[in-house]
Amino acid sequence: MRETLEKIKSEALLALSAPDAQIEELRIKYLGKKGELTAVLRGMGKLTPEERPVIGQLANDVRAEIEAKIEELSSAAKAKELENKLKSEKLDVTIPGEKTEIGHFHPLALVQRQLEDIFLGMGYSIVDGPEVELDYYNFQALNIPKDHPARDTQDTFYITENILLRSQTSPVQARVMEKTQPPIKIISPGRVYRSDAVDATHSPLFHQLEGLVIDKGITMGDLKGALEMFAKRMFGESTQIRFRPHHFPFTEPSAEVDVSCFLCGGKGCRFCKGEGWIEILGAGMVHPNVLRNCGIDPEVYSGFAFGLGVERIALLKYHIDDMRLLYENDVRFLNQF
């Protein structure tokens, strides 16, 4: 058996030293489960107890030498393969790389973030609410019963008779007033929906930001002061505002709010259509019925509310004349901002 093991070792090492040696095939031939060395080891049971340790040690030495040779050849083959791969995949580091396009905020997101920063700086908190809303919070709690004509101008998309896509972010205010006792000072930005045909100034989906302040002794003067500060920070320190009487079911008294044209300074130009003023939002004192509906005593507390369209502010700020451009996702247009 000693001679057989020596013969296997010499044959294996000789075969592995050949230039065209198939390493894996030779490993299986000599060291595999059905290999020549394994076949010899199976016959060790016929040896005497004195011969077994001697032959076993010799068999281990033969296996170790063959394995070492196979490992040496495998490492050399891998190194050669890597060298060939590096040669064939040579990288020219002087070739200019491909430019990676980096995204940025959409103009609507830029405007909304600026609006939020302004009101956060004035002490307001940001509150969010569901876009799929109950008819009660979207209309009834805001002093707009089912037969009220104001619903015609806020026609929205109904899921059931009592569940709809909110037509304004005012339901967030109603939910906050229902759960929170004054003082309250919040803004509620978000998507809203109305059944409008798409044109240069209308869309069935748009964005609003509404504000609400409730406390003891709140007056129209507080509303005017808050909106003046907002207008100056948004459009420039020289900006002025004016109130025009209006009607909203959820505020009394109510007003449309204009800002002086920030291009011509109020003198009149193409941008403001020669009027010197640009309408930007609606506002007013919270109607007593709304306070009562939300569990707040109008004899003790008063408050004001305002709402503006984020798209409208974006159109004014960036001098865009068609709201549809904001939704078409044309990269050539969006790269300007």
C-alpha atoms as a PDB file:
ATOM      1  CA  MET A   1       0.000   0.000   0.000  1.00  0.00           C
ATOM      2  CA  ARG A   2       2.972   2.280   0.657  1.00  0.00           C
ATOM      3  CA  GLU A   3       4.128   1.841  -2.931  1.00  0.00           C
ATOM      4  CA  THR A   4       0.601   2.574  -4.214  1.00  0.00           C
ATOM      5  CA  LEU A   5       0.426   5.849  -2.277  1.00  0.00           C
ATOM      6  CA  GLU A   6       3.855   6.954  -3.532  1.00  0.00           C
ATOM      7  CA  LYS A   7       2.803   6.119  -7.077  1.00  0.00           C
ATOM      8  CA  ILE A   8      -0.438   8.151  -6.732  1.00  0.00           C
ATOM      9  CA  LYS A   9       1.559  11.127  -5.414  1.00  0.00           C
ATOM     10  CA  SER A  10       4.117  11.086  -8.205  1.00  0.00           C
ATOM     11  CA  GLU A  11       1.488  10.629 -10.935  1.00  0.00           C
ATOM     12  CA  ALA A  12      -0.715  13.388  -9.519  1.00  0.00           C
ATOM     13  CA  LEU A  13       2.143  15.888  -9.181  1.00  0.00           C
ATOM     14  CA  LEU A  14       3.391  15.061 -12.657  1.00  0.00           C
ATOM     15  CA  ALA A  15      -0.083  15.473 -14.185  1.00  0.00           C
ATOM     16  CA  LEU A  16      -0.600  18.790 -12.360  1.00  0.00           C
ATOM     17  CA  SER A  17       2.754  20.072 -13.635  1.00  0.00           C
ATOM     18  CA  ALA A  18       1.711  19.656 -17.272  1.00  0.00           C
ATOM     19  CA  PRO A  19       1.145  22.994 -19.138  1.00  0.00           C
ATOM     20  CA  ASP A  20      -2.400  22.034 -20.120  1.00  0.00           C
ATOM     21  CA  ALA A  21      -3.344  20.496 -16.760  1.00  0.00           C
ATOM     22  CA  GLN A  22      -7.088  20.489 -16.025  1.00  0.00           C
ATOM     23  CA  ILE A  23      -6.918  21.255 -12.330  1.00  0.00           C
ATOM     24  CA  GLU A  24     -10.505  20.473 -11.361  1.00  0.00           C
ATOM     25  CA  GLU A  25     -10.582  17.217 -13.292  1.00  0.00           C
ATOM     26  CA  LEU A  26      -7.323  16.071 -11.659  1.00  0.00           C
ATOM     27  CA  ARG A  27      -8.598  17.042  -8.204  1.00  0.00           C
ATOM     28  CA  ILE A  28     -11.642  14.831  -8.702  1.00  0.00           C
ATOM     29  CA  LYS A  29      -9.522  12.015 -10.155  1.00  0.00           C
ATOM     30  CA  TYR A  30      -7.167  11.790  -7.184  1.00  0.00           C
ATOM     31  CA  LEU A  31      -8.995  13.380  -4.221  1.00  0.00           C
ATOM     32  CA  GLY A  32     -12.697  13.016  -5.045  1.00  0.00           C
ATOM     33  CA  LYS A  33     -15.078  10.575  -3.321  1.00  0.00           C
ATOM     34  CA  LYS A  34     -14.375   8.022  -6.028  1.00  0.00           C
ATOM     35  CA  GLY A  35     -10.771   9.166  -6.525  1.00  0.00           C
ATOM     36  CA  GLU A  36      -7.645   6.958  -6.469  1.00  0.00           C
ATOM     37  CA  LEU A  37      -6.465   8.103  -3.033  1.00  0.00           C
ATOM     38  CA  THR A  38      -9.899   7.512  -1.515  1.00  0.00           C
ATOM     39  CA  ALA A  39      -9.970   3.984  -3.008  1.00  0.00           C
ATOM     40  CA  VAL A  40      -6.673   3.181  -1.328  1.00  0.00           C
ATOM     41  CA  LEU A  41      -7.848   4.519   2.021  1.00  0.00           C
ATOM     42  CA  ARG A  42     -10.889   2.242   1.914  1.00  0.00           C
ATOM     43  CA  GLY A  43      -8.550  -0.744   2.031  1.00  0.00           C
ATOM     44  CA  MET A  44      -6.900   0.284   5.291  1.00  0.00           C
ATOM     45  CA  GLY A  45      -9.183  -2.066   7.193  1.00  0.00           C
ATOM     46  CA  LYS A  46      -7.104  -4.983   5.908  1.00  0.00           C
ATOM     47  CA  LEU A  47      -3.931  -3.625   7.526  1.00  0.00           C
ATOM     48  CA  THR A  48      -2.582  -4.722  10.898  1.00  0.00           C
ATOM     49  CA  PRO A  49      -3.020  -2.365  13.860  1.00  0.00           C
ATOM     50  CA  GLU A  50       0.682  -1.510  13.689  1.00  0.00           C
ATOM     51  CA  GLU A  51       0.561  -0.588   9.964  1.00  0.00           C
ATOM     52  CA  ARG A  52      -2.570   1.584  10.098  1.00  0.00           C
ATOM     53  CA  PRO A  53      -1.087   4.708  11.760  1.00  0.00           C
ATOM     54  CA  VAL A  54       1.967   4.598   9.531  1.00  0.00           C
ATOM     55  CA  ILE A  55      -0.035   4.231   6.306  1.00  0.00           C
ATOM     56  CA  GLY A  56      -2.631   6.771   7.566  1.00  0.00           C
ATOM     57  CA  GLN A  57       0.079   9.401   8.152  1.00  0.00           C
ATOM     58  CA  LEU A  58       1.561   8.688   4.723  1.00  0.00           C
ATOM     59  CA  ALA A  59      -1.878   9.021   3.107  1.00  0.00           C
ATOM     60  CA  ASN A  60      -2.404  12.389   4.837  1.00  0.00           C
ATOM     61  CA  ASP A  61       0.988  13.604   3.631  1.00  0.00           C
ATOM     62  CA  VAL A  62       0.182  12.571   0.065  1.00  0.00           C
ATOM     63  CA  ARG A  63      -3.202  14.331   0.241  1.00  0.00           C
ATOM     64  CA  ALA A  64      -1.571  17.480   1.656  1.00  0.00           C
ATOM     65  CA  GLU A  65       1.055  17.642  -1.101  1.00  0.00           C
ATOM     66  CA  ILE A  66      -1.517  17.160  -3.851  1.00  0.00           C
ATOM     67  CA  GLU A  67      -3.857  19.788  -2.299  1.00  0.00           C
ATOM     68  CA  ALA A  68      -0.979  22.271  -1.917  1.00  0.00           C
ATOM     69  CA  LYS A  69      -0.071  21.848  -5.590  1.00  0.00           C
ATOM     70  CA  ILE A  70      -3.720  22.307  -6.634  1.00  0.00           C
ATOM     71  CA  GLU A  71      -4.009  25.485  -4.479  1.00  0.00           C
ATOM     72  CA  GLU A  72      -0.794  26.868  -5.987  1.00  0.00           C
ATOM     73  CA  LEU A  73      -2.013  26.261  -9.520  1.00  0.00           C
ATOM     74  CA  SER A  74      -5.506  27.665  -8.760  1.00  0.00           C
ATOM     75  CA  SER A  75      -4.042  30.872  -7.315  1.00  0.00           C
ATOM     76  CA  ALA A  76      -1.779  31.290 -10.320  1.00  0.00           C
ATOM     77  CA  ALA A  77      -4.721  30.733 -12.687  1.00  0.00           C
ATOM     78  CA  LYS A  78      -6.858  33.334 -10.875  1.00  0.00           C
ATOM     79  CA  ALA A  79      -4.034  35.856 -10.951  1.00  0.00           C
ATOM     80  CA  LYS A  80      -3.568  35.282 -14.678  1.00  0.00           C
ATOM     81  CA  GLU A  81      -7.302  35.633 -15.276  1.00  0.00           C
ATOM     82  CA  LEU A  82      -7.364  38.927 -13.355  1.00  0.00           C
ATOM     83  CA  GLU A  83      -4.359  40.211 -15.294  1.00  0.00           C
ATOM     84  CA  ASN A  84      -6.040  39.405 -18.617  1.00  0.00           C
ATOM     85  CA  LYS A  85      -9.266  41.003 -17.455  1.00  0.00           C
ATOM     86  CA  LEU A  86      -7.495  44.201 -16.451  1.00  0.00           C
ATOM     87  CA  LYS A  87      -5.776  44.359 -19.806  1.00  0.00           C
ATOM     88  CA  SER A  88      -9.014  43.819 -21.738  1.00  0.00           C
ATOM     89  CA  GLU A  89     -11.014  46.280 -19.586  1.00  0.00           C
ATOM     90  CA  LYS A  90      -8.475  49.055 -19.454  1.00  0.00           C
ATOM     91  CA  LEU A  91      -9.986  52.307 -18.128  1.00  0.00           C
ATOM     92  CA  ASP A  92      -8.908  55.608 -19.590  1.00  0.00           C
ATOM     93  CA  VAL A  93      -9.158  57.972 -16.616  1.00  0.00           C
ATOM     94  CA  THR A  94      -8.685  60.989 -18.923  1.00  0.00           C
ATOM     95  CA  ILE A  95     -12.072  60.431 -20.609  1.00  0.00           C
ATOM     96  CA  PRO A  96     -14.690  62.907 -19.238  1.00  0.00           C
ATOM     97  CA  GLY A  97     -17.293  61.198 -17.049  1.00  0.00           C
ATOM     98  CA  GLU A  98     -21.023  61.227 -17.653  1.00  0.00           C
ATOM     99  CA  LYS A  99     -22.824  64.109 -15.943  1.00  0.00           C
ATOM    100  CA  THR A 100     -25.181  63.099 -13.143  1.00  0.00           C
ATOM    101  CA  GLU A 101     -28.392  65.091 -13.162  1.00  0.00           C
ATOM    102  CA  ILE A 102     -29.352  66.298  -9.690  1.00  0.00           C
ATOM    103  CA  GLY A 103     -32.998  67.102  -9.026  1.00  0.00           C
ATOM    104  CA  HIS A 104     -34.386  70.067  -7.124  1.00  0.00           C
ATOM    105  CA  PHE A 105     -37.638  71.231  -5.608  1.00  0.00           C
ATOM    106  CA  HIS A 106     -40.640  71.853  -7.860  1.00  0.00           C
ATOM    107  CA  PRO A 107     -41.673  75.533  -7.995  1.00  0.00           C
ATOM    108  CA  LEU A 108     -44.859  74.699  -6.065  1.00  0.00           C
ATOM    109  CA  ALA A 109     -42.794  73.007  -3.349  1.00  0.00           C
ATOM    110  CA  LEU A 110     -40.439  76.001  -3.250  1.00  0.00           C
ATOM    111  CA  VAL A 111     -43.334  78.404  -2.737  1.00  0.00           C
ATOM    112  CA  GLN A 112     -45.054  76.223  -0.135  1.00  0.00           C
ATOM    113  CA  ARG A 113     -41.816  75.873   1.838  1.00  0.00           C
ATOM    114  CA  GLN A 114     -41.329  79.642   1.747  1.00  0.00           C
ATOM    115  CA  LEU A 115     -44.914  80.208   2.919  1.00  0.00           C
ATOM    116  CA  GLU A 116     -44.449  77.727   5.746  1.00  0.00           C
ATOM    117  CA  ASP A 117     -41.184  79.382   6.800  1.00  0.00           C
ATOM    118  CA  ILE A 118     -42.849  82.795   6.929  1.00  0.00           C
ATOM    119  CA  PHE A 119     -45.730  81.662   9.128  1.00  0.00           C
ATOM    120  CA  LEU A 120     -43.556  79.452  11.314  1.00  0.00           C
ATOM    121  CA  GLY A 121     -41.511  82.568  11.969  1.00  0.00           C
ATOM    122  CA  MET A 122     -44.711  84.308  13.061  1.00  0.00           C
ATOM    123  CA  GLY A 123     -45.485  81.606  15.628  1.00  0.00           C
ATOM    124  CA  TYR A 124     -47.895  79.418  13.660  1.00  0.00           C
ATOM    125  CA  SER A 125     -47.890  75.621  13.794  1.00  0.00           C
ATOM    126  CA  ILE A 126     -48.353  73.405  10.719  1.00  0.00           C
ATOM    127  CA  VAL A 127     -51.277  70.970  10.875  1.00  0.00           C
ATOM    128  CA  ASP A 128     -52.204  68.358   8.278  1.00  0.00           C
ATOM    129  CA  GLY A 129     -55.489  66.548   7.666  1.00  0.00           C
ATOM    130  CA  PRO A 130     -57.147  63.964   5.386  1.00  0.00           C
ATOM    131  CA  GLU A 131     -57.719  64.706   1.714  1.00  0.00           C
ATOM    132  CA  VAL A 132     -60.644  62.254   1.667  1.00  0.00           C
ATOM    133  CA  GLU A 133     -63.010  64.129   3.939  1.00  0.00           C
ATOM    134  CA  LEU A 134     -66.501  63.971   5.427  1.00  0.00           C
ATOM    135  CA  ASP A 135     -69.149  66.320   4.083  1.00  0.00           C
ATOM    136  CA  TYR A 136     -69.675  67.547   7.653  1.00  0.00           C
ATOM    137  CA  TYR A 137     -66.134  68.901   8.088  1.00  0.00           C
ATOM    138  CA  ASN A 138     -65.785  70.162   4.512  1.00  0.00           C
ATOM    139  CA  PHE A 139     -69.086  72.058   4.506  1.00  0.00           C
ATOM    140  CA  GLN A 140     -71.516  71.764   7.392  1.00  0.00           C
ATOM    141  CA  ALA A 141     -69.130  72.571  10.251  1.00  0.00           C
ATOM    142  CA  LEU A 142     -68.021  75.632   8.244  1.00  0.00           C
ATOM    143  CA  ASN A 143     -71.540  77.117   8.112  1.00  0.00           C
ATOM    144  CA  ILE A 144     -72.337  75.672   4.655  1.00  0.00           C
ATOM    145  CA  PRO A 145     -75.414  73.414   5.030  1.00  0.00           C
ATOM    146  CA  LYS A 146     -76.474  70.991   2.301  1.00  0.00           C
ATOM    147  CA  ASP A 147     -78.773  73.482   0.529  1.00  0.00           C
ATOM    148  CA  HIS A 148     -76.357  76.443   0.682  1.00  0.00           C
ATOM    149  CA  PRO A 149     -75.615  78.090  -2.720  1.00  0.00           C
ATOM    150  CA  ALA A 150     -71.906  78.423  -1.798  1.00  0.00           C
ATOM    151  CA  ARG A 151     -71.561  74.721  -2.572  1.00  0.00           C
ATOM    152  CA  ASP A 152     -71.982  75.490  -6.261  1.00  0.00           C
ATOM    153  CA  THR A 153     -68.634  77.323  -6.356  1.00  0.00           C
ATOM    154  CA  GLN A 154     -66.911  74.523  -4.454  1.00  0.00           C
ATOM    155  CA  ASP A 155     -68.299  71.546  -6.336  1.00  0.00           C
ATOM    156  CA  THR A 156     -65.930  68.666  -5.706  1.00  0.00           C
ATOM    157  CA  PHE A 157     -65.622  64.917  -6.288  1.00  0.00           C
ATOM    158  CA  TYR A 158     -67.912  62.708  -4.215  1.00  0.00           C
ATOM    159  CA  ILE A 159     -67.095  59.147  -3.199  1.00  0.00           C
ATOM    160  CA  THR A 160     -70.430  58.682  -1.426  1.00  0.00           C
ATOM    161  CA  GLU A 161     -73.094  61.171  -0.419  1.00  0.00           C
ATOM    162  CA  ASN A 162     -71.174  61.977   2.766  1.00  0.00           C
ATOM    163  CA  ILE A 163     -67.560  61.297   1.729  1.00  0.00           C
ATOM    164  CA  LEU A 164     -65.705  63.514  -0.737  1.00  0.00           C
ATOM    165  CA  LEU A 165     -62.334  64.909  -1.770  1.00  0.00           C
ATOM    166  CA  ARG A 166     -61.889  68.087   0.245  1.00  0.00           C
ATOM    167  CA  SER A 167     -62.465  71.310  -1.698  1.00  0.00           C
ATOM    168  CA  GLN A 168     -60.390  73.388   0.737  1.00  0.00           C
ATOM    169  CA  THR A 169     -58.072  72.834   3.701  1.00  0.00           C
ATOM    170  CA  SER A 170     -60.597  74.487   6.051  1.00  0.00           C
ATOM    171  CA  PRO A 171     -61.750  71.064   7.360  1.00  0.00           C
ATOM    172  CA  VAL A 172     -58.374  70.839   9.087  1.00  0.00           C
ATOM    173  CA  GLN A 173     -59.265  74.015  10.983  1.00  0.00           C
ATOM    174  CA  ALA A 174     -62.642  72.592  11.989  1.00  0.00           C
ATOM    175  CA  ARG A 175     -61.013  69.383  13.263  1.00  0.00           C
ATOM    176  CA  VAL A 176     -58.438  71.352  15.281  1.00  0.00           C
ATOM    177  CA  MET A 177     -61.087  73.633  16.831  1.00  0.00           C
ATOM    178  CA  GLU A 178     -63.195  70.592  17.698  1.00  0.00           C
ATOM    179  CA  LYS A 179     -60.345  68.944  19.628  1.00  0.00           C
ATOM    180  CA  THR A 180     -58.359  71.944  20.918  1.00  0.00           C
ATOM    181  CA  GLN A 181     -59.382  74.799  23.155  1.00  0.00           C
ATOM    182  CA  PRO A 182     -57.955  78.249  22.320  1.00  0.00           C
ATOM    183  CA  PRO A 183     -55.478  79.777  21.951  1.00  0.00           C
ATOM    184  CA  ILE A 184     -55.076  78.299  18.436  1.00  0.00           C
ATOM    185  CA  LYS A 185     -52.584  79.524  15.839  1.00  0.00           C
ATOM    186  CA  ILE A 186     -52.142  77.196  12.868  1.00  0.00           C
ATOM    187  CA  ILE A 187     -51.649  76.955   9.125  1.00  0.00           C
ATOM    188  CA  SER A 188     -52.882  73.987   7.083  1.00  0.00           C
ATOM    189  CA  PRO A 189     -51.238  73.506   3.661  1.00  0.00           C
ATOM    190  CA  GLY A 190     -52.161  70.714   1.275  1.00  0.00           C
ATOM    191  CA  ARG A 191     -53.855  69.422  -1.878  1.00  0.00           C
ATOM    192  CA  VAL A 192     -57.505  70.233  -2.545  1.00  0.00           C
ATOM    193  CA  TYR A 193     -59.937  69.240  -5.301  1.00  0.00           C
ATOM    194  CA  ARG A 194     -62.738  70.918  -7.215  1.00  0.00           C
ATOM    195  CA  SER A 195     -64.705  69.908 -10.274  1.00  0.00           C
ATOM    196  CA  ASP A 196     -63.173  72.579 -12.524  1.00  0.00           C
ATOM    197  CA  ALA A 197     -62.247  72.342 -16.188  1.00  0.00           C
ATOM    198  CA  VAL A 198     -58.528  72.634 -16.868  1.00  0.00           C
ATOM    199  CA  ASP A 199     -57.442  75.994 -18.290  1.00  0.00           C
ATOM    200  CA  ALA A 200     -54.743  78.611 -17.732  1.00  0.00           C
ATOM    201  CA  THR A 201     -56.049  79.522 -14.258  1.00  0.00           C
ATOM    202  CA  HIS A 202     -58.032  76.447 -13.126  1.00  0.00           C
ATOM    203  CA  SER A 203     -57.316  72.825 -12.306  1.00  0.00           C
ATOM    204  CA  PRO A 204     -59.341  70.034 -10.639  1.00  0.00           C
ATOM    205  CA  LEU A 205     -56.359  69.576  -8.290  1.00  0.00           C
ATOM    206  CA  PHE A 206     -54.479  72.454  -6.711  1.00  0.00           C
ATOM    207  CA  HIS A 207     -52.845  73.472  -3.431  1.00  0.00           C
ATOM    208  CA  GLN A 208     -54.016  75.749  -0.653  1.00  0.00           C
ATOM    209  CA  LEU A 209     -52.564  77.152   2.527  1.00  0.00           C
ATOM    210  CA  GLU A 210     -55.032  78.351   5.130  1.00  0.00           C
ATOM    211  CA  GLY A 211     -54.419  80.001   8.466  1.00  0.00           C
ATOM    212  CA  LEU A 212     -56.461  80.213  11.667  1.00  0.00           C
ATOM    213  CA  VAL A 213     -56.018  82.196  14.874  1.00  0.00           C
ATOM    214  CA  ILE A 214     -58.466  81.864  17.790  1.00  0.00           C
ATOM    215  CA  ASP A 215     -58.059  83.607  21.159  1.00  0.00           C
ATOM    216  CA  LYS A 216     -59.654  86.186  23.390  1.00  0.00           C
ATOM    217  CA  GLY A 217     -59.830  89.671  21.904  1.00  0.00           C
ATOM    218  CA  ILE A 218     -58.760  88.846  18.343  1.00  0.00           C
ATOM    219  CA  THR A 219     -59.838  91.619  15.931  1.00  0.00           C
ATOM    220  CA  MET A 220     -59.760  92.529  12.256  1.00  0.00           C
ATOM    221  CA  GLY A 221     -56.720  94.645  13.086  1.00  0.00           C
ATOM    222  CA  ASP A 222     -54.819  91.509  14.095  1.00  0.00           C
ATOM    223  CA  LEU A 223     -55.746  89.914  10.754  1.00  0.00           C
ATOM    224  CA  LYS A 224     -54.538  92.965   8.827  1.00  0.00           C
ATOM    225  CA  GLY A 225     -51.265  93.061  10.755  1.00  0.00           C
ATOM    226  CA  ALA A 226     -50.574  89.358  10.143  1.00  0.00           C
ATOM    227  CA  LEU A 227     -51.291  89.610   6.415  1.00  0.00           C
ATOM    228  CA  GLU A 228     -49.205  92.784   6.050  1.00  0.00           C
ATOM    229  CA  MET A 229     -46.225  91.020   7.606  1.00  0.00           C
ATOM    230  CA  PHE A 230     -46.768  88.002   5.339  1.00  0.00           C
ATOM    231  CA  ALA A 231     -47.007  90.180   2.197  1.00  0.00           C
ATOM    232  CA  LYS A 232     -43.819  92.106   3.001  1.00  0.00           C
ATOM    233  CA  ARG A 233     -41.834  88.933   3.631  1.00  0.00           C
ATOM    234  CA  MET A 234     -43.205  87.234   0.531  1.00  0.00           C
ATOM    235  CA  PHE A 235     -43.170  90.080  -1.997  1.00  0.00           C
ATOM    236  CA  GLY A 236     -40.833  92.718  -0.521  1.00  0.00           C
ATOM    237  CA  GLU A 237     -40.785  95.313   2.237  1.00  0.00           C
ATOM    238  CA  SER A 238     -42.453  97.992   0.078  1.00  0.00           C
ATOM    239  CA  THR A 239     -45.550  95.818  -0.499  1.00  0.00           C
ATOM    240  CA  GLN A 240     -48.888  97.182   0.729  1.00  0.00           C
ATOM    241  CA  ILE A 241     -52.205  95.371   1.137  1.00  0.00           C
ATOM    242  CA  ARG A 242     -55.846  96.414   0.871  1.00  0.00           C
ATOM    243  CA  PHE A 243     -59.097  94.762   1.927  1.00  0.00           C
ATOM    244  CA  ARG A 244     -62.199  94.691  -0.297  1.00  0.00           C
ATOM    245  CA  PRO A 245     -65.567  93.636   1.174  1.00  0.00           C
ATOM    246  CA  HIS A 246     -66.599  90.115   0.177  1.00  0.00           C
ATOM    247  CA  HIS A 247     -68.720  87.223   1.416  1.00  0.00           C
ATOM    248  CA  PHE A 248     -67.570  83.850   2.684  1.00  0.00           C
ATOM    249  CA  PRO A 249     -70.014  81.632   4.615  1.00  0.00           C
ATOM    250  CA  PHE A 250     -67.429  80.778   7.265  1.00  0.00           C
ATOM    251  CA  THR A 251     -66.218  84.314   8.045  1.00  0.00           C
ATOM    252  CA  GLU A 252     -68.055  87.535   9.001  1.00  0.00           C
ATOM    253  CA  PRO A 253     -66.989  90.149   8.092  1.00  0.00           C
ATOM    254  CA  SER A 254     -65.108  88.829   5.070  1.00  0.00           C
ATOM    255  CA  ALA A 255     -62.677  90.394   2.626  1.00  0.00           C
ATOM    256  CA  GLU A 256     -60.704  89.783  -0.522  1.00  0.00           C
ATOM    257  CA  VAL A 257     -57.085  90.812   0.032  1.00  0.00           C
ATOM    258  CA  ASP A 258     -54.941  92.479  -2.630  1.00  0.00           C
ATOM    259  CA  VAL A 259     -51.242  93.350  -2.624  1.00  0.00           C
ATOM    260  CA  SER A 260     -49.687  96.274  -4.416  1.00  0.00           C
ATOM    261  CA  CYS A 261     -48.067  95.164  -7.667  1.00  0.00           C
ATOM    262  CA  PHE A 262     -44.464  94.292  -6.891  1.00  0.00           C
ATOM    263  CA  LEU A 263     -43.373  95.036 -10.467  1.00  0.00           C
ATOM    264  CA  CYS A 264     -44.696  98.547 -10.898  1.00  0.00           C
ATOM    265  CA  GLY A 265     -45.103  99.490  -7.231  1.00  0.00           C
ATOM    266  CA  GLY A 266     -48.805 100.167  -7.683  1.00  0.00           C
ATOM    267  CA  LYS A 267     -48.528 102.484 -10.684  1.00  0.00           C
ATOM    268  CA  GLY A 268     -50.179 100.055 -13.093  1.00  0.00           C
ATOM    269  CA  CYS A 269     -48.565  97.708 -15.614  1.00  0.00           C
ATOM    270  CA  ARG A 270     -49.287  94.733 -17.854  1.00  0.00           C
ATOM    271  CA  PHE A 271     -48.667  92.340 -14.979  1.00  0.00           C
ATOM    272  CA  CYS A 272     -51.379  93.873 -12.756  1.00  0.00           C
ATOM    273  CA  LYS A 273     -53.560  94.757 -15.770  1.00  0.00           C
ATOM    274  CA  GLY A 274     -53.092  98.444 -15.110  1.00  0.00           C
ATOM    275  CA  GLU A 275     -54.786  98.347 -11.694  1.00  0.00           C
ATOM    276  CA  GLY A 276     -51.710  98.523  -9.467  1.00  0.00           C
ATOM    277  CA  TRP A 277     -53.138  95.757  -7.238  1.00  0.00           C
ATOM    278  CA  ILE A 278     -53.142  91.963  -7.420  1.00  0.00           C
ATOM    279  CA  GLU A 279     -55.658  89.751  -5.613  1.00  0.00           C
ATOM    280  CA  ILE A 280     -53.925  87.015  -3.628  1.00  0.00           C
ATOM    281  CA  LEU A 281     -56.244  85.619  -0.921  1.00  0.00           C
ATOM    282  CA  GLY A 282     -59.506  85.685   1.002  1.00  0.00           C
ATOM    283  CA  ALA A 283     -59.840  86.315   4.721  1.00  0.00           C
ATOM    284  CA  GLY A 284     -62.168  87.375   7.506  1.00  0.00           C
ATOM    285  CA  MET A 285     -63.239  86.941  11.108  1.00  0.00           C
ATOM    286  CA  VAL A 286     -64.347  83.399  11.951  1.00  0.00           C
ATOM    287  CA  HIS A 287     -68.164  83.224  11.874  1.00  0.00           C
ATOM    288  CA  PRO A 288     -69.763  82.676  15.312  1.00  0.00           C
ATOM    289  CA  ASN A 289     -71.668  79.689  13.914  1.00  0.00           C
ATOM    290  CA  VAL A 290     -68.374  77.989  13.011  1.00  0.00           C
ATOM    291  CA  LEU A 291     -67.068  78.534  16.529  1.00  0.00           C
ATOM    292  CA  ARG A 292     -70.271  77.093  18.021  1.00  0.00           C
ATOM    293  CA  ASN A 293     -70.200  74.094  15.658  1.00  0.00           C
ATOM    294  CA  CYS A 294     -66.696  73.294  16.907  1.00  0.00           C
ATOM    295  CA  GLY A 295     -67.490  73.721  20.612  1.00  0.00           C
ATOM    296  CA  ILE A 296     -65.931  77.178  21.121  1.00  0.00           C
ATOM    297  CA  ASP A 297     -67.962  79.940  22.819  1.00  0.00           C
ATOM    298  CA  PRO A 298     -68.117  82.983  20.473  1.00  0.00           C
ATOM    299  CA  GLU A 299     -69.003  85.180  23.479  1.00  0.00           C
ATOM    300  CA  VAL A 300     -65.565  84.457  24.938  1.00  0.00           C
ATOM    301  CA  TYR A 301     -63.337  83.851  21.916  1.00  0.00           C
ATOM    302  CA  SER A 302     -62.944  85.367  18.471  1.00  0.00           C
ATOM    303  CA  GLY A 303     -60.572  84.687  15.641  1.00  0.00           C
ATOM    304  CA  PHE A 304     -59.600  85.211  12.026  1.00  0.00           C
ATOM    305  CA  ALA A 305     -58.961  82.884   9.096  1.00  0.00           C
ATOM    306  CA  PHE A 306     -57.374  83.308   5.693  1.00  0.00           C
ATOM    307  CA  GLY A 307     -56.707  81.136   2.684  1.00  0.00           C
ATOM    308  CA  LEU A 308     -54.550  81.417  -0.398  1.00  0.00           C
ATOM    309  CA  GLY A 309     -53.777  79.311  -3.444  1.00  0.00           C
ATOM    310  CA  VAL A 310     -50.168  78.156  -3.612  1.00  0.00           C
ATOM    311  CA  GLU A 311     -50.368  78.004  -7.420  1.00  0.00           C
ATOM    312  CA  ARG A 312     -51.507  81.613  -7.547  1.00  0.00           C
ATOM    313  CA  ILE A 313     -48.560  82.750  -5.456  1.00  0.00           C
ATOM    314  CA  ALA A 314     -46.190  80.687  -7.655  1.00  0.00           C
ATOM    315  CA  LEU A 315     -47.628  82.229 -10.834  1.00  0.00           C
ATOM    316  CA  LEU A 316     -47.115  85.719  -9.414  1.00  0.00           C
ATOM    317  CA  LYS A 317     -43.692  85.062  -7.927  1.00  0.00           C
ATOM    318  CA  TYR A 318     -42.214  83.456 -11.049  1.00  0.00           C
ATOM    319  CA  HIS A 319     -44.226  85.444 -13.634  1.00  0.00           C
ATOM    320  CA  ILE A 320     -45.880  82.348 -15.105  1.00  0.00           C
ATOM    321  CA  ASP A 321     -48.960  83.004 -17.232  1.00  0.00           C
ATOM    322  CA  ASP A 322     -50.404  79.475 -17.461  1.00  0.00           C
ATOM    323  CA  MET A 323     -50.991  77.229 -14.439  1.00  0.00           C
ATOM    324  CA  ARG A 324     -50.896  74.115 -16.621  1.00  0.00           C
ATOM    325  CA  LEU A 325     -47.124  74.516 -16.977  1.00  0.00           C
ATOM    326  CA  LEU A 326     -46.777  73.583 -13.303  1.00  0.00           C
ATOM    327  CA  TYR A 327     -48.283  70.123 -13.906  1.00  0.00           C
ATOM    328  CA  GLU A 328     -46.867  69.110 -17.303  1.00  0.00           C
ATOM    329  CA  ASN A 329     -43.489  67.994 -15.861  1.00  0.00           C
ATOM    330  CA  ASP A 330     -41.567  69.489 -18.760  1.00  0.00           C
ATOM    331  CA  VAL A 331     -37.948  69.409 -17.574  1.00  0.00           C
ATOM    332  CA  ARG A 332     -37.080  72.370 -19.802  1.00  0.00           C
ATOM    333  CA  PHE A 333     -39.596  74.452 -17.880  1.00  0.00           C
ATOM    334  CA  LEU A 334     -38.773  73.110 -14.401  1.00  0.00           C
ATOM    335  CA  ASN A 335     -35.010  73.595 -14.820  1.00  0.00           C
ATOM    336  CA  GLN A 336     -35.577  77.356 -14.675  1.00  0.00           C
ATOM    337  CA  PHE A 337     -36.372  77.281 -10.975  1.00  0.00           C
END
